Amino acid sequence: MFFRNRIASTPRPDWAIEWLLLASTLVLTSCATARRGPVGFWSHNRYDGGGEQRHGPWREYFDAQEQRLANRGRYQHGLPVGRWHTYTPTGQLERTERFYRHPYGLVRLTYYHPNGQVAKRGRARYRAEPTGAHFFWFGEWQRFAPDGQPLPSEWYLDGRQTAPPSQ
């Protein structure tokens, strides 16, 4: 209480108030225009120092006006990292992908029904190749009905559906 009263009663010089106003204006302006402006804090779709590999936040759109988001996530020197969200052309969440750093290539995927309920989830190995990225599903994939009720699981080995392991 003593500290708060002391600060409130201490007169502030005019230059400090002007500096605070300028700083807050710059922050608000950079947040509003960061996508196209020089400030990289909120920017997306940038490349690394060599200019060859995607790096940082990334967004792709279905349209040239950038109104309908197709997916969003983050790259680290050309490789996807962290959580990615992929949307349908109507704007509904289609799937989420969680790229793990260790071991690299491990991905957890969740697919959604049009009503937003989880349709299936499981793991895959991600491999970036010159012809494009490939996912190889493996292990158990849990499946769910549109109302959320569990369905029998599917099992995969190197991207091919297999019989469940014997108990």
Protein backbone atom coordinates (compact mmCIF):
# COMPACT_ATOMS: atom_id res chain seq x y z
CA MET A 1 0.00 0.00 0.00
CA PHE A 2 2.82 2.40 0.88
CA PHE A 3 4.51 1.67 -2.46
CA ARG A 4 1.36 2.27 -4.51
CA ASN A 5 0.57 5.57 -2.76
CA ARG A 6 4.12 6.77 -3.19
CA ILE A 7 4.10 6.05 -6.94
CA ALA A 8 0.73 7.71 -7.42
CA SER A 9 1.86 10.83 -5.63
CA THR A 10 5.22 11.11 -7.44
CA PRO A 11 5.01 13.65 -10.28
CA ARG A 12 6.10 12.28 -13.66
CA PRO A 13 8.07 14.43 -16.07
CA ASP A 14 6.39 15.29 -19.37
CA TRP A 15 9.00 13.43 -21.42
CA ALA A 16 8.14 10.15 -19.66
CA ILE A 17 4.46 10.48 -20.55
CA GLU A 18 5.30 11.35 -24.15
CA TRP A 19 7.64 8.36 -24.35
CA LEU A 20 4.94 6.02 -23.00
CA LEU A 21 2.43 7.33 -25.52
CA LEU A 22 4.90 6.92 -28.38
CA ALA A 23 5.85 3.40 -27.30
CA SER A 24 2.23 2.28 -26.96
CA THR A 25 1.39 3.81 -30.35
CA LEU A 26 4.29 1.96 -31.99
CA VAL A 27 3.26 -1.35 -30.40
CA LEU A 28 -0.37 -0.98 -31.49
CA THR A 29 0.63 0.10 -34.99
CA SER A 30 3.08 -2.77 -35.42
CA CYS A 31 0.48 -5.29 -34.23
CA ALA A 32 -2.07 -3.96 -36.69
CA THR A 33 0.29 -3.99 -39.68
CA ALA A 34 2.76 -6.70 -38.72
CA ARG A 35 1.70 -9.08 -41.46
CA ARG A 36 2.95 -6.78 -44.18
CA GLY A 37 5.16 -4.42 -42.19
CA PRO A 38 8.83 -4.61 -41.32
CA VAL A 39 8.23 -5.75 -37.74
CA GLY A 40 8.75 -9.52 -37.57
CA PHE A 41 7.04 -10.19 -34.24
CA TRP A 42 3.64 -11.10 -35.69
CA SER A 43 4.74 -11.63 -39.28
CA HIS A 44 4.26 -14.89 -41.08
CA ASN A 45 5.42 -16.57 -44.28
CA ARG A 46 9.07 -15.63 -43.99
CA TYR A 47 12.20 -17.45 -45.06
CA ASP A 48 15.43 -18.13 -43.17
CA GLY A 49 18.64 -16.13 -43.62
CA GLY A 50 19.50 -17.95 -46.84
CA GLY A 51 16.07 -17.18 -48.23
CA GLU A 52 15.53 -20.78 -49.27
CA GLN A 53 13.68 -22.44 -46.40
CA ARG A 54 10.43 -21.50 -44.70
CA HIS A 55 11.03 -20.26 -41.18
CA GLY A 56 8.70 -19.00 -38.46
CA PRO A 57 4.90 -18.71 -38.43
CA TRP A 58 3.30 -19.79 -41.69
CA ARG A 59 -0.19 -19.44 -43.11
CA GLU A 60 -1.66 -20.61 -46.38
CA TYR A 61 -4.98 -19.50 -47.82
CA PHE A 62 -7.51 -20.90 -50.28
CA ASP A 63 -7.95 -17.48 -51.94
CA ALA A 64 -5.68 -14.67 -53.14
CA GLN A 65 -7.39 -12.15 -50.83
CA GLU A 66 -6.22 -14.21 -47.82
CA GLN A 67 -9.71 -14.44 -46.36
CA ARG A 68 -10.17 -18.25 -46.20
CA LEU A 69 -7.40 -19.86 -44.15
CA ALA A 70 -6.26 -23.29 -45.39
CA ASN A 71 -3.67 -24.06 -42.69
CA ARG A 72 -1.45 -22.44 -40.10
CA GLY A 73 1.60 -23.56 -38.22
CA ARG A 74 5.32 -22.94 -37.81
CA TYR A 75 8.45 -23.94 -39.71
CA GLN A 76 11.96 -24.17 -38.39
CA HIS A 77 14.47 -23.98 -41.26
CA GLY A 78 12.10 -25.67 -43.70
CA LEU A 79 10.73 -28.32 -41.34
CA PRO A 80 7.28 -28.13 -39.73
CA VAL A 81 7.36 -27.94 -35.91
CA GLY A 82 4.77 -27.68 -33.17
CA ARG A 83 1.02 -27.65 -33.72
CA TRP A 84 -0.54 -27.19 -37.15
CA HIS A 85 -4.21 -26.60 -37.95
CA THR A 86 -5.75 -27.47 -41.32
CA TYR A 87 -9.16 -26.15 -42.36
CA THR A 88 -11.74 -27.01 -45.03
CA PRO A 89 -12.66 -24.40 -47.66
CA THR A 90 -15.76 -23.64 -45.56
CA GLY A 91 -13.57 -22.75 -42.54
CA GLN A 92 -14.17 -25.84 -40.41
CA LEU A 93 -11.26 -27.49 -38.63
CA GLU A 94 -10.30 -30.60 -40.64
CA ARG A 95 -7.30 -31.84 -38.66
CA THR A 96 -4.57 -30.89 -36.23
CA GLU A 97 -1.00 -32.14 -36.41
CA ARG A 98 1.55 -32.02 -33.59
CA PHE A 99 5.13 -32.31 -34.87
CA TYR A 100 7.58 -33.44 -32.20
CA ARG A 101 11.23 -32.44 -32.14
CA HIS A 102 12.47 -35.61 -30.45
CA PRO A 103 12.36 -38.00 -32.11
CA TYR A 104 12.07 -35.88 -35.20
CA GLY A 105 9.44 -37.14 -37.60
CA LEU A 106 6.93 -38.22 -34.96
CA VAL A 107 3.53 -36.63 -35.55
CA ARG A 108 0.26 -36.93 -33.64
CA LEU A 109 -2.75 -36.34 -35.87
CA THR A 110 -6.38 -35.71 -35.02
CA TYR A 111 -9.07 -35.65 -37.70
CA TYR A 112 -12.48 -34.06 -37.08
CA HIS A 113 -16.04 -34.73 -38.26
CA PRO A 114 -17.86 -31.77 -39.86
CA ASN A 115 -19.73 -31.26 -36.55
CA GLY A 116 -16.40 -30.66 -34.73
CA GLN A 117 -16.24 -34.02 -32.93
CA VAL A 118 -13.01 -36.06 -33.14
CA ALA A 119 -13.21 -38.61 -35.99
CA LYS A 120 -9.88 -40.40 -35.48
CA ARG A 121 -6.52 -39.84 -33.89
CA GLY A 122 -3.19 -41.58 -33.98
CA ARG A 123 0.50 -41.29 -34.76
CA ALA A 124 2.52 -41.09 -37.94
CA ARG A 125 6.08 -40.68 -39.10
CA TYR A 126 6.76 -37.61 -41.20
CA ARG A 127 9.32 -37.66 -43.94
CA ALA A 128 10.18 -34.64 -46.09
CA GLU A 129 11.31 -35.76 -49.54
CA PRO A 130 12.07 -33.85 -52.75
CA THR A 131 8.73 -35.03 -54.19
CA GLY A 132 6.83 -33.75 -51.13
CA ALA A 133 6.02 -34.61 -47.54
CA HIS A 134 4.82 -38.12 -46.69
CA PHE A 135 3.03 -39.39 -43.61
CA PHE A 136 3.31 -43.06 -42.67
CA TRP A 137 0.64 -43.98 -40.12
CA PHE A 138 1.61 -46.53 -37.48
CA GLY A 139 0.22 -48.12 -34.34
CA GLU A 140 -3.31 -47.81 -33.04
CA TRP A 141 -5.67 -45.23 -34.49
CA GLN A 142 -8.68 -44.54 -32.32
CA ARG A 143 -11.91 -43.90 -34.22
CA PHE A 144 -15.06 -42.11 -33.12
CA ALA A 145 -18.60 -41.75 -34.49
CA PRO A 146 -19.94 -38.26 -35.25
CA ASP A 147 -21.75 -38.30 -31.89
CA GLY A 148 -18.45 -38.99 -30.05
CA GLN A 149 -19.04 -42.69 -29.34
CA PRO A 150 -15.88 -44.83 -29.71
CA LEU A 151 -15.62 -47.18 -32.67
CA PRO A 152 -13.22 -50.13 -33.13
CA SER A 153 -9.62 -48.97 -33.54
CA GLU A 154 -7.59 -49.40 -36.70
CA TRP A 155 -3.97 -50.57 -36.69
CA TYR A 156 -1.23 -49.49 -39.09
CA LEU A 157 2.32 -50.50 -39.88
CA ASP A 158 4.40 -48.26 -42.21
CA GLY A 159 1.28 -46.62 -43.56
CA ARG A 160 -0.62 -49.83 -44.33
CA GLN A 161 -3.61 -51.04 -42.37
CA THR A 162 -2.92 -54.31 -40.52
CA ALA A 163 -4.69 -56.66 -38.15
CA PRO A 164 -4.60 -55.73 -34.45
CA PRO A 165 -1.70 -57.25 -32.52
CA SER A 166 -2.56 -60.46 -30.72
CA GLN A 167 -2.99 -60.15 -26.96
